[in-house]
């Protein structure tokens, strides 16, 4: 029986990634699918990239582009709008400054989706958000999700992006969300990925959740200086790592709403730190 590890949304959490990879290799897996968003929230991005490059040399790996990879590619072409000491874009700027040409070339080589078929097994579509769009969320009990599934050529879609692990079934088709390795939601902070098990007639799956040294990842935010370069964003990251609750987007939307209330408008990425500060306080972080 073929077994495949499916990992998504690492977001620079090399400690969680290493834990997940060690688990997969120790149970005999030698095929890996990665669904994008390799970097973006956490410190020392080169440590994550080194793990991925090393794995790619040893095992069969498939990689898909996420929305974060699009960010780095676009910023290289037009480096505007991001600031080093800024809660809205400081993490983006920090990560980009730690990329090298090998990383950028690797990201540019990735596609938004692929159709995979292993010998004797049912085909599958792999993507980050949805097969239609890298940043589109496939949500449970959503007619848009059902439409996507109905119009997809294969019966199985592997996706990420929501950071919530799970399965959506509709009319004999399945969408399997691997969750998030690096900053998962609703997991009590545990790193998540999936193991697929292929049989002639179907793909079965196992949801994996692993504890790891989250305090080490949080300490990295400070030792790297990232917490000073994106202060309130990192406060959200710290809480999310520990609890799996309150997404960055939730706090950002509140900060932008406060900005609009105070100044009459708010255009990303120009969100004042005072609005971030208030939004973080309101969410109890």
C-alpha atoms as a PDB file:
ATOM      1  CA  UNK A   1       0.000   0.000   0.000  1.00  0.00           C
ATOM      2  CA  UNK A   2       1.363   3.398  -0.997  1.00  0.00           C
ATOM      3  CA  UNK A   3       1.452   5.953   1.810  1.00  0.00           C
ATOM      4  CA  UNK A   4       2.032   9.656   1.198  1.00  0.00           C
ATOM      5  CA  UNK A   5       2.628  12.456   3.705  1.00  0.00           C
ATOM      6  CA  UNK A   6       0.719  15.635   2.807  1.00  0.00           C
ATOM      7  CA  UNK A   7       1.935  18.862   4.436  1.00  0.00           C
ATOM      8  CA  UNK A   8       0.717  22.436   4.045  1.00  0.00           C
ATOM      9  CA  UNK A   9       1.161  25.913   5.515  1.00  0.00           C
ATOM     10  CA  UNK A  10       4.513  25.569   7.241  1.00  0.00           C
ATOM     11  CA  UNK A  11       4.897  29.359   7.501  1.00  0.00           C
ATOM     12  CA  UNK A  12       8.526  29.111   8.537  1.00  0.00           C
ATOM     13  CA  UNK A  13       8.001  26.790  11.507  1.00  0.00           C
ATOM     14  CA  UNK A  14      11.070  24.636  10.960  1.00  0.00           C
ATOM     15  CA  UNK A  15      10.747  23.022  14.409  1.00  0.00           C
ATOM     16  CA  UNK A  16       7.247  21.721  13.668  1.00  0.00           C
ATOM     17  CA  UNK A  17       8.287  20.737  10.150  1.00  0.00           C
ATOM     18  CA  UNK A  18      11.207  18.698  11.433  1.00  0.00           C
ATOM     19  CA  UNK A  19       8.892  16.908  13.889  1.00  0.00           C
ATOM     20  CA  UNK A  20       6.406  16.041  11.133  1.00  0.00           C
ATOM     21  CA  UNK A  21       9.089  14.864   8.711  1.00  0.00           C
ATOM     22  CA  UNK A  22      10.770  12.712  11.355  1.00  0.00           C
ATOM     23  CA  UNK A  23       7.425  11.084  12.157  1.00  0.00           C
ATOM     24  CA  UNK A  24       6.676  10.376   8.492  1.00  0.00           C
ATOM     25  CA  UNK A  25      10.123   8.935   7.738  1.00  0.00           C
ATOM     26  CA  UNK A  26      10.056   6.803  10.882  1.00  0.00           C
ATOM     27  CA  UNK A  27       6.806   5.123   9.779  1.00  0.00           C
ATOM     28  CA  UNK A  28       8.337   4.342   6.384  1.00  0.00           C
ATOM     29  CA  UNK A  29       6.949   7.098   4.180  1.00  0.00           C
ATOM     30  CA  UNK A  30       9.127   8.136   1.245  1.00  0.00           C
ATOM     31  CA  UNK A  31       6.688  10.207  -0.833  1.00  0.00           C
ATOM     32  CA  UNK A  32       5.749  13.753   0.195  1.00  0.00           C
ATOM     33  CA  UNK A  33       3.274  16.333  -1.117  1.00  0.00           C
ATOM     34  CA  UNK A  34       3.647  19.971  -0.060  1.00  0.00           C
ATOM     35  CA  UNK A  35       0.754  22.376  -0.614  1.00  0.00           C
ATOM     36  CA  UNK A  36       2.393  25.799  -0.303  1.00  0.00           C
ATOM     37  CA  UNK A  37       2.947  28.667   2.143  1.00  0.00           C
ATOM     38  CA  UNK A  38       6.384  27.453   3.173  1.00  0.00           C
ATOM     39  CA  UNK A  39       7.415  30.709   4.871  1.00  0.00           C
ATOM     40  CA  UNK A  40       5.882  33.901   6.145  1.00  0.00           C
ATOM     41  CA  UNK A  41       5.151  34.203   9.862  1.00  0.00           C
ATOM     42  CA  UNK A  42       8.106  32.918  11.826  1.00  0.00           C
ATOM     43  CA  UNK A  43      11.834  33.410  12.282  1.00  0.00           C
ATOM     44  CA  UNK A  44      14.885  31.979  10.517  1.00  0.00           C
ATOM     45  CA  UNK A  45      13.226  31.070   7.190  1.00  0.00           C
ATOM     46  CA  UNK A  46      16.435  29.570   5.808  1.00  0.00           C
ATOM     47  CA  UNK A  47      16.125  26.730   8.324  1.00  0.00           C
ATOM     48  CA  UNK A  48      12.793  25.759   6.795  1.00  0.00           C
ATOM     49  CA  UNK A  49      14.149  25.975   3.256  1.00  0.00           C
ATOM     50  CA  UNK A  50      17.177  23.847   4.188  1.00  0.00           C
ATOM     51  CA  UNK A  51      14.884  21.077   5.454  1.00  0.00           C
ATOM     52  CA  UNK A  52      12.823  21.166   2.270  1.00  0.00           C
ATOM     53  CA  UNK A  53      15.844  21.106  -0.032  1.00  0.00           C
ATOM     54  CA  UNK A  54      17.383  18.230   1.912  1.00  0.00           C
ATOM     55  CA  UNK A  55      14.158  16.213   1.788  1.00  0.00           C
ATOM     56  CA  UNK A  56      13.811  16.884  -1.941  1.00  0.00           C
ATOM     57  CA  UNK A  57      17.212  15.293  -2.545  1.00  0.00           C
ATOM     58  CA  UNK A  58      16.367  12.110  -0.627  1.00  0.00           C
ATOM     59  CA  UNK A  59      12.719  11.376  -1.392  1.00  0.00           C
ATOM     60  CA  UNK A  60      10.020  11.787  -3.999  1.00  0.00           C
ATOM     61  CA  UNK A  61       8.499  15.210  -3.375  1.00  0.00           C
ATOM     62  CA  UNK A  62       5.778  17.256  -5.048  1.00  0.00           C
ATOM     63  CA  UNK A  63       5.513  20.984  -4.332  1.00  0.00           C
ATOM     64  CA  UNK A  64       2.693  23.453  -5.062  1.00  0.00           C
ATOM     65  CA  UNK A  65       2.769  27.239  -4.858  1.00  0.00           C
ATOM     66  CA  UNK A  66       0.799  28.995  -2.108  1.00  0.00           C
ATOM     67  CA  UNK A  67      -0.310  32.602  -1.830  1.00  0.00           C
ATOM     68  CA  UNK A  68       2.780  33.456   0.220  1.00  0.00           C
ATOM     69  CA  UNK A  69       5.049  32.338  -2.631  1.00  0.00           C
ATOM     70  CA  UNK A  70       3.147  34.712  -4.880  1.00  0.00           C
ATOM     71  CA  UNK A  71       3.902  37.516  -2.412  1.00  0.00           C
ATOM     72  CA  UNK A  72       7.667  36.979  -2.641  1.00  0.00           C
ATOM     73  CA  UNK A  73       7.618  36.738  -6.428  1.00  0.00           C
ATOM     74  CA  UNK A  74       5.552  39.911  -6.845  1.00  0.00           C
ATOM     75  CA  UNK A  75       7.630  41.854  -4.332  1.00  0.00           C
ATOM     76  CA  UNK A  76      10.838  40.976  -6.144  1.00  0.00           C
ATOM     77  CA  UNK A  77       9.376  42.585  -9.288  1.00  0.00           C
ATOM     78  CA  UNK A  78       7.944  45.617  -7.495  1.00  0.00           C
ATOM     79  CA  UNK A  79       9.488  46.127  -4.021  1.00  0.00           C
ATOM     80  CA  UNK A  80       7.020  48.648  -2.607  1.00  0.00           C
ATOM     81  CA  UNK A  81       4.706  48.907   0.377  1.00  0.00           C
ATOM     82  CA  UNK A  82       6.444  46.692   2.930  1.00  0.00           C
ATOM     83  CA  UNK A  83       8.213  48.196   5.937  1.00  0.00           C
ATOM     84  CA  UNK A  84      10.731  46.705   8.344  1.00  0.00           C
ATOM     85  CA  UNK A  85       9.238  47.978  11.600  1.00  0.00           C
ATOM     86  CA  UNK A  86       5.544  47.525  10.991  1.00  0.00           C
ATOM     87  CA  UNK A  87       3.029  45.019  12.344  1.00  0.00           C
ATOM     88  CA  UNK A  88       1.194  44.751   9.019  1.00  0.00           C
ATOM     89  CA  UNK A  89       4.116  43.977   6.707  1.00  0.00           C
ATOM     90  CA  UNK A  90       7.156  43.516   8.949  1.00  0.00           C
ATOM     91  CA  UNK A  91       7.053  39.703   8.753  1.00  0.00           C
ATOM     92  CA  UNK A  92       6.736  39.833   4.974  1.00  0.00           C
ATOM     93  CA  UNK A  93       9.684  42.201   4.704  1.00  0.00           C
ATOM     94  CA  UNK A  94      11.798  40.144   7.111  1.00  0.00           C
ATOM     95  CA  UNK A  95      11.131  36.909   5.239  1.00  0.00           C
ATOM     96  CA  UNK A  96      11.893  38.437   1.850  1.00  0.00           C
ATOM     97  CA  UNK A  97      15.175  39.841   3.129  1.00  0.00           C
ATOM     98  CA  UNK A  98      16.157  36.313   4.160  1.00  0.00           C
ATOM     99  CA  UNK A  99      15.449  34.740   0.765  1.00  0.00           C
ATOM    100  CA  UNK A 100      18.155  34.021  -1.777  1.00  0.00           C
ATOM    101  CA  UNK A 101      18.041  33.474  -5.531  1.00  0.00           C
ATOM    102  CA  UNK A 102      17.746  29.733  -5.114  1.00  0.00           C
ATOM    103  CA  UNK A 103      14.600  30.220  -3.033  1.00  0.00           C
ATOM    104  CA  UNK A 104      13.034  32.655  -5.492  1.00  0.00           C
ATOM    105  CA  UNK A 105      13.824  30.413  -8.453  1.00  0.00           C
ATOM    106  CA  UNK A 106      12.310  27.473  -6.593  1.00  0.00           C
ATOM    107  CA  UNK A 107       9.101  29.405  -5.868  1.00  0.00           C
ATOM    108  CA  UNK A 108       8.859  30.561  -9.486  1.00  0.00           C
ATOM    109  CA  UNK A 109       9.139  26.952 -10.674  1.00  0.00           C
ATOM    110  CA  UNK A 110       5.994  25.909  -8.796  1.00  0.00           C
ATOM    111  CA  UNK A 111       2.526  25.677 -10.289  1.00  0.00           C
ATOM    112  CA  UNK A 112      -0.774  26.542  -8.598  1.00  0.00           C
ATOM    113  CA  UNK A 113      -2.121  23.031  -8.982  1.00  0.00           C
ATOM    114  CA  UNK A 114      -1.158  19.651 -10.347  1.00  0.00           C
ATOM    115  CA  UNK A 115      -2.980  16.496 -11.321  1.00  0.00           C
ATOM    116  CA  UNK A 116      -1.163  13.493  -9.850  1.00  0.00           C
ATOM    117  CA  UNK A 117      -1.671   9.841 -10.607  1.00  0.00           C
ATOM    118  CA  UNK A 118       0.283   7.014  -9.023  1.00  0.00           C
ATOM    119  CA  UNK A 119       0.440   3.558 -10.605  1.00  0.00           C
ATOM    120  CA  UNK A 120      -2.860   1.732 -10.215  1.00  0.00           C
ATOM    121  CA  UNK A 121      -4.389   4.403  -7.961  1.00  0.00           C
ATOM    122  CA  UNK A 122      -7.064   7.031  -8.446  1.00  0.00           C
ATOM    123  CA  UNK A 123      -5.891  10.461  -9.686  1.00  0.00           C
ATOM    124  CA  UNK A 124      -5.894  13.472  -7.385  1.00  0.00           C
ATOM    125  CA  UNK A 125      -5.698  17.251  -7.707  1.00  0.00           C
ATOM    126  CA  UNK A 126      -3.265  19.045  -5.405  1.00  0.00           C
ATOM    127  CA  UNK A 127      -3.533  22.776  -4.736  1.00  0.00           C
ATOM    128  CA  UNK A 128      -3.096  25.342  -1.979  1.00  0.00           C
ATOM    129  CA  UNK A 129      -6.439  27.109  -1.800  1.00  0.00           C
ATOM    130  CA  UNK A 130      -8.614  25.587  -4.505  1.00  0.00           C
ATOM    131  CA  UNK A 131      -7.993  24.240  -8.014  1.00  0.00           C
ATOM    132  CA  UNK A 132      -9.337  27.565  -9.322  1.00  0.00           C
ATOM    133  CA  UNK A 133      -7.373  30.069  -7.262  1.00  0.00           C
ATOM    134  CA  UNK A 134      -4.414  29.912  -4.908  1.00  0.00           C
ATOM    135  CA  UNK A 135      -6.097  32.090  -2.248  1.00  0.00           C
ATOM    136  CA  UNK A 136      -9.623  30.647  -2.484  1.00  0.00           C
ATOM    137  CA  UNK A 137     -10.789  28.775   0.613  1.00  0.00           C
ATOM    138  CA  UNK A 138     -12.582  25.467   0.333  1.00  0.00           C
ATOM    139  CA  UNK A 139     -14.913  25.582   3.316  1.00  0.00           C
ATOM    140  CA  UNK A 140     -17.310  22.908   4.625  1.00  0.00           C
ATOM    141  CA  UNK A 141     -21.020  23.243   3.827  1.00  0.00           C
ATOM    142  CA  UNK A 142     -20.300  25.889   1.206  1.00  0.00           C
ATOM    143  CA  UNK A 143     -22.034  25.786  -2.183  1.00  0.00           C
ATOM    144  CA  UNK A 144     -18.932  27.283  -3.801  1.00  0.00           C
ATOM    145  CA  UNK A 145     -16.855  24.384  -2.492  1.00  0.00           C
ATOM    146  CA  UNK A 146     -19.390  21.883  -3.826  1.00  0.00           C
ATOM    147  CA  UNK A 147     -19.353  23.582  -7.233  1.00  0.00           C
ATOM    148  CA  UNK A 148     -15.549  23.359  -7.345  1.00  0.00           C
ATOM    149  CA  UNK A 149     -15.635  19.675  -6.420  1.00  0.00           C
ATOM    150  CA  UNK A 150     -18.333  18.861  -8.980  1.00  0.00           C
ATOM    151  CA  UNK A 151     -16.339  20.526 -11.770  1.00  0.00           C
ATOM    152  CA  UNK A 152     -12.945  19.123 -10.851  1.00  0.00           C
ATOM    153  CA  UNK A 153     -11.726  16.304 -13.108  1.00  0.00           C
ATOM    154  CA  UNK A 154     -10.536  14.047 -10.277  1.00  0.00           C
ATOM    155  CA  UNK A 155     -12.550  12.755  -7.327  1.00  0.00           C
ATOM    156  CA  UNK A 156      -9.921  13.818  -4.776  1.00  0.00           C
ATOM    157  CA  UNK A 157      -8.675  17.333  -4.018  1.00  0.00           C
ATOM    158  CA  UNK A 158      -5.830  17.918  -1.560  1.00  0.00           C
ATOM    159  CA  UNK A 159      -5.739  21.477  -0.231  1.00  0.00           C
ATOM    160  CA  UNK A 160      -4.653  23.709   2.640  1.00  0.00           C
ATOM    161  CA  UNK A 161      -4.866  27.476   3.204  1.00  0.00           C
ATOM    162  CA  UNK A 162      -7.591  27.459   5.895  1.00  0.00           C
ATOM    163  CA  UNK A 163      -5.202  25.972   8.511  1.00  0.00           C
ATOM    164  CA  UNK A 164      -8.076  23.691   9.590  1.00  0.00           C
ATOM    165  CA  UNK A 165      -7.630  19.975   9.080  1.00  0.00           C
ATOM    166  CA  UNK A 166     -10.510  17.919   7.786  1.00  0.00           C
ATOM    167  CA  UNK A 167     -12.545  16.288   5.029  1.00  0.00           C
ATOM    168  CA  UNK A 168     -15.379  17.531   2.843  1.00  0.00           C
ATOM    169  CA  UNK A 169     -17.444  14.918   0.997  1.00  0.00           C
ATOM    170  CA  UNK A 170     -19.894  15.716  -1.795  1.00  0.00           C
ATOM    171  CA  UNK A 171     -21.521  13.504  -4.437  1.00  0.00           C
ATOM    172  CA  UNK A 172     -18.853  10.821  -4.221  1.00  0.00           C
ATOM    173  CA  UNK A 173     -15.953  13.290  -4.266  1.00  0.00           C
ATOM    174  CA  UNK A 174     -13.662  14.343  -1.411  1.00  0.00           C
ATOM    175  CA  UNK A 175     -11.624  17.408  -0.513  1.00  0.00           C
ATOM    176  CA  UNK A 176      -8.979  16.670   2.099  1.00  0.00           C
ATOM    177  CA  UNK A 177      -7.432  19.587   3.956  1.00  0.00           C
ATOM    178  CA  UNK A 178      -4.048  18.727   5.470  1.00  0.00           C
ATOM    179  CA  UNK A 179      -4.313  21.505   8.057  1.00  0.00           C
ATOM    180  CA  UNK A 180      -1.193  23.493   8.911  1.00  0.00           C
ATOM    181  CA  UNK A 181       2.225  22.300   9.989  1.00  0.00           C
ATOM    182  CA  UNK A 182       3.303  25.682  11.298  1.00  0.00           C
ATOM    183  CA  UNK A 183       0.376  27.707  12.664  1.00  0.00           C
ATOM    184  CA  UNK A 184      -2.710  25.451  12.728  1.00  0.00           C
ATOM    185  CA  UNK A 185      -6.126  26.558  13.916  1.00  0.00           C
ATOM    186  CA  UNK A 186      -8.204  24.630  16.453  1.00  0.00           C
ATOM    187  CA  UNK A 187      -5.447  22.112  17.219  1.00  0.00           C
ATOM    188  CA  UNK A 188      -4.341  23.188  20.701  1.00  0.00           C
ATOM    189  CA  UNK A 189      -1.155  24.317  18.996  1.00  0.00           C
ATOM    190  CA  UNK A 190      -0.158  20.892  17.695  1.00  0.00           C
ATOM    191  CA  UNK A 191       1.468  20.577  14.267  1.00  0.00           C
ATOM    192  CA  UNK A 192      -0.780  18.941  11.675  1.00  0.00           C
ATOM    193  CA  UNK A 193      -0.419  16.951   8.489  1.00  0.00           C
ATOM    194  CA  UNK A 194      -2.107  14.021   6.743  1.00  0.00           C
ATOM    195  CA  UNK A 195      -1.065  10.567   5.658  1.00  0.00           C
ATOM    196  CA  UNK A 196      -2.800   9.226   2.555  1.00  0.00           C
ATOM    197  CA  UNK A 197      -3.160   5.494   2.031  1.00  0.00           C
ATOM    198  CA  UNK A 198      -3.848   4.419  -1.517  1.00  0.00           C
ATOM    199  CA  UNK A 199      -5.856   1.384  -2.510  1.00  0.00           C
ATOM    200  CA  UNK A 200      -7.159   0.456  -5.935  1.00  0.00           C
ATOM    201  CA  UNK A 201     -10.593   1.986  -5.363  1.00  0.00           C
ATOM    202  CA  UNK A 202      -9.975   4.935  -3.029  1.00  0.00           C
ATOM    203  CA  UNK A 203      -7.642   7.057  -0.956  1.00  0.00           C
ATOM    204  CA  UNK A 204      -7.992   6.734   2.799  1.00  0.00           C
ATOM    205  CA  UNK A 205      -6.458   9.291   5.110  1.00  0.00           C
ATOM    206  CA  UNK A 206      -5.135   9.684   8.628  1.00  0.00           C
ATOM    207  CA  UNK A 207      -5.015  13.045  10.393  1.00  0.00           C
ATOM    208  CA  UNK A 208      -1.798  13.488  12.352  1.00  0.00           C
ATOM    209  CA  UNK A 209      -1.354  16.017  15.175  1.00  0.00           C
ATOM    210  CA  UNK A 210       1.997  16.250  16.931  1.00  0.00           C
ATOM    211  CA  UNK A 211       3.228  18.188  19.912  1.00  0.00           C
ATOM    212  CA  UNK A 212       6.608  19.871  19.525  1.00  0.00           C
ATOM    213  CA  UNK A 213       8.745  22.537  21.198  1.00  0.00           C
ATOM    214  CA  UNK A 214       6.530  25.580  20.624  1.00  0.00           C
ATOM    215  CA  UNK A 215       8.430  27.603  23.198  1.00  0.00           C
ATOM    216  CA  UNK A 216      11.547  27.269  21.053  1.00  0.00           C
ATOM    217  CA  UNK A 217       9.684  28.753  18.073  1.00  0.00           C
ATOM    218  CA  UNK A 218       8.383  31.592  20.243  1.00  0.00           C
ATOM    219  CA  UNK A 219      11.885  32.246  21.601  1.00  0.00           C
ATOM    220  CA  UNK A 220      13.077  32.529  17.991  1.00  0.00           C
ATOM    221  CA  UNK A 221      10.704  35.450  17.448  1.00  0.00           C
ATOM    222  CA  UNK A 222      12.717  37.391  20.010  1.00  0.00           C
ATOM    223  CA  UNK A 223      16.255  36.121  19.372  1.00  0.00           C
ATOM    224  CA  UNK A 224      15.903  36.874  15.649  1.00  0.00           C
ATOM    225  CA  UNK A 225      14.667  40.425  16.266  1.00  0.00           C
ATOM    226  CA  UNK A 226      11.452  39.660  14.388  1.00  0.00           C
ATOM    227  CA  UNK A 227       9.287  40.586  17.369  1.00  0.00           C
ATOM    228  CA  UNK A 228      10.622  44.135  17.107  1.00  0.00           C
ATOM    229  CA  UNK A 229      10.141  44.312  13.354  1.00  0.00           C
ATOM    230  CA  UNK A 230       6.490  43.179  13.435  1.00  0.00           C
ATOM    231  CA  UNK A 231       5.489  43.576  17.090  1.00  0.00           C
ATOM    232  CA  UNK A 232       1.754  43.007  17.149  1.00  0.00           C
ATOM    233  CA  UNK A 233       1.776  40.477  14.329  1.00  0.00           C
ATOM    234  CA  UNK A 234       4.245  38.465  16.417  1.00  0.00           C
ATOM    235  CA  UNK A 235       1.990  38.744  19.475  1.00  0.00           C
ATOM    236  CA  UNK A 236      -0.741  37.092  17.433  1.00  0.00           C
ATOM    237  CA  UNK A 237       1.744  34.452  16.253  1.00  0.00           C
ATOM    238  CA  UNK A 238       2.811  33.714  19.813  1.00  0.00           C
ATOM    239  CA  UNK A 239      -0.761  33.188  20.971  1.00  0.00           C
ATOM    240  CA  UNK A 240      -1.624  31.116  17.911  1.00  0.00           C
ATOM    241  CA  UNK A 241       1.376  28.855  18.441  1.00  0.00           C
ATOM    242  CA  UNK A 242       0.358  28.196  22.039  1.00  0.00           C
ATOM    243  CA  UNK A 243      -3.411  27.892  21.666  1.00  0.00           C
ATOM    244  CA  UNK A 244      -4.396  27.421  18.019  1.00  0.00           C
ATOM    245  CA  UNK A 245      -6.869  30.287  18.468  1.00  0.00           C
ATOM    246  CA  UNK A 246      -7.346  33.766  16.913  1.00  0.00           C
ATOM    247  CA  UNK A 247      -5.979  34.050  13.384  1.00  0.00           C
ATOM    248  CA  UNK A 248      -3.830  36.899  12.132  1.00  0.00           C
ATOM    249  CA  UNK A 249      -6.560  37.865   9.687  1.00  0.00           C
ATOM    250  CA  UNK A 250      -9.076  38.293  12.502  1.00  0.00           C
ATOM    251  CA  UNK A 251      -6.885  40.809  14.344  1.00  0.00           C
ATOM    252  CA  UNK A 252      -5.859  42.556  11.120  1.00  0.00           C
ATOM    253  CA  UNK A 253      -9.508  43.093  10.128  1.00  0.00           C
ATOM    254  CA  UNK A 254     -10.255  44.583  13.537  1.00  0.00           C
ATOM    255  CA  UNK A 255      -7.206  46.859  13.323  1.00  0.00           C
ATOM    256  CA  UNK A 256      -8.337  48.044   9.886  1.00  0.00           C
ATOM    257  CA  UNK A 257     -11.864  48.668  11.179  1.00  0.00           C
ATOM    258  CA  UNK A 258     -10.447  50.759  14.040  1.00  0.00           C
ATOM    259  CA  UNK A 259      -8.324  52.650  11.542  1.00  0.00           C
ATOM    260  CA  UNK A 260     -11.402  53.425   9.433  1.00  0.00           C
ATOM    261  CA  UNK A 261     -13.333  54.574  12.522  1.00  0.00           C
ATOM    262  CA  UNK A 262     -10.544  56.933  13.511  1.00  0.00           C
ATOM    263  CA  UNK A 263      -9.347  58.251  10.151  1.00  0.00           C
ATOM    264  CA  UNK A 264     -12.322  57.746   7.842  1.00  0.00           C
ATOM    265  CA  UNK A 265     -10.584  55.145   5.677  1.00  0.00           C
ATOM    266  CA  UNK A 266      -7.976  52.415   5.862  1.00  0.00           C
ATOM    267  CA  UNK A 267      -6.019  51.034   2.956  1.00  0.00           C
ATOM    268  CA  UNK A 268      -3.801  48.007   3.447  1.00  0.00           C
ATOM    269  CA  UNK A 269      -0.899  48.013   4.273  1.00  0.00           C
ATOM    270  CA  UNK A 270      -1.189  51.430   5.942  1.00  0.00           C
ATOM    271  CA  UNK A 271      -2.560  50.329   9.305  1.00  0.00           C
ATOM    272  CA  UNK A 272      -1.229  52.446  12.214  1.00  0.00           C
ATOM    273  CA  UNK A 273       0.434  50.655  15.119  1.00  0.00           C
ATOM    274  CA  UNK A 274      -1.985  52.298  17.535  1.00  0.00           C
ATOM    275  CA  UNK A 275      -4.841  50.492  15.796  1.00  0.00           C
ATOM    276  CA  UNK A 276      -2.953  47.221  16.006  1.00  0.00           C
ATOM    277  CA  UNK A 277      -2.338  47.814  19.691  1.00  0.00           C
ATOM    278  CA  UNK A 278      -6.030  48.375  20.375  1.00  0.00           C
ATOM    279  CA  UNK A 279      -7.090  45.389  18.270  1.00  0.00           C
ATOM    280  CA  UNK A 280      -4.697  43.115  20.148  1.00  0.00           C
ATOM    281  CA  UNK A 281      -5.995  44.388  23.498  1.00  0.00           C
ATOM    282  CA  UNK A 282      -9.604  43.823  22.440  1.00  0.00           C
ATOM    283  CA  UNK A 283      -8.877  40.205  21.554  1.00  0.00           C
ATOM    284  CA  UNK A 284      -7.222  39.652  24.938  1.00  0.00           C
ATOM    285  CA  UNK A 285      -3.777  38.754  23.639  1.00  0.00           C
END
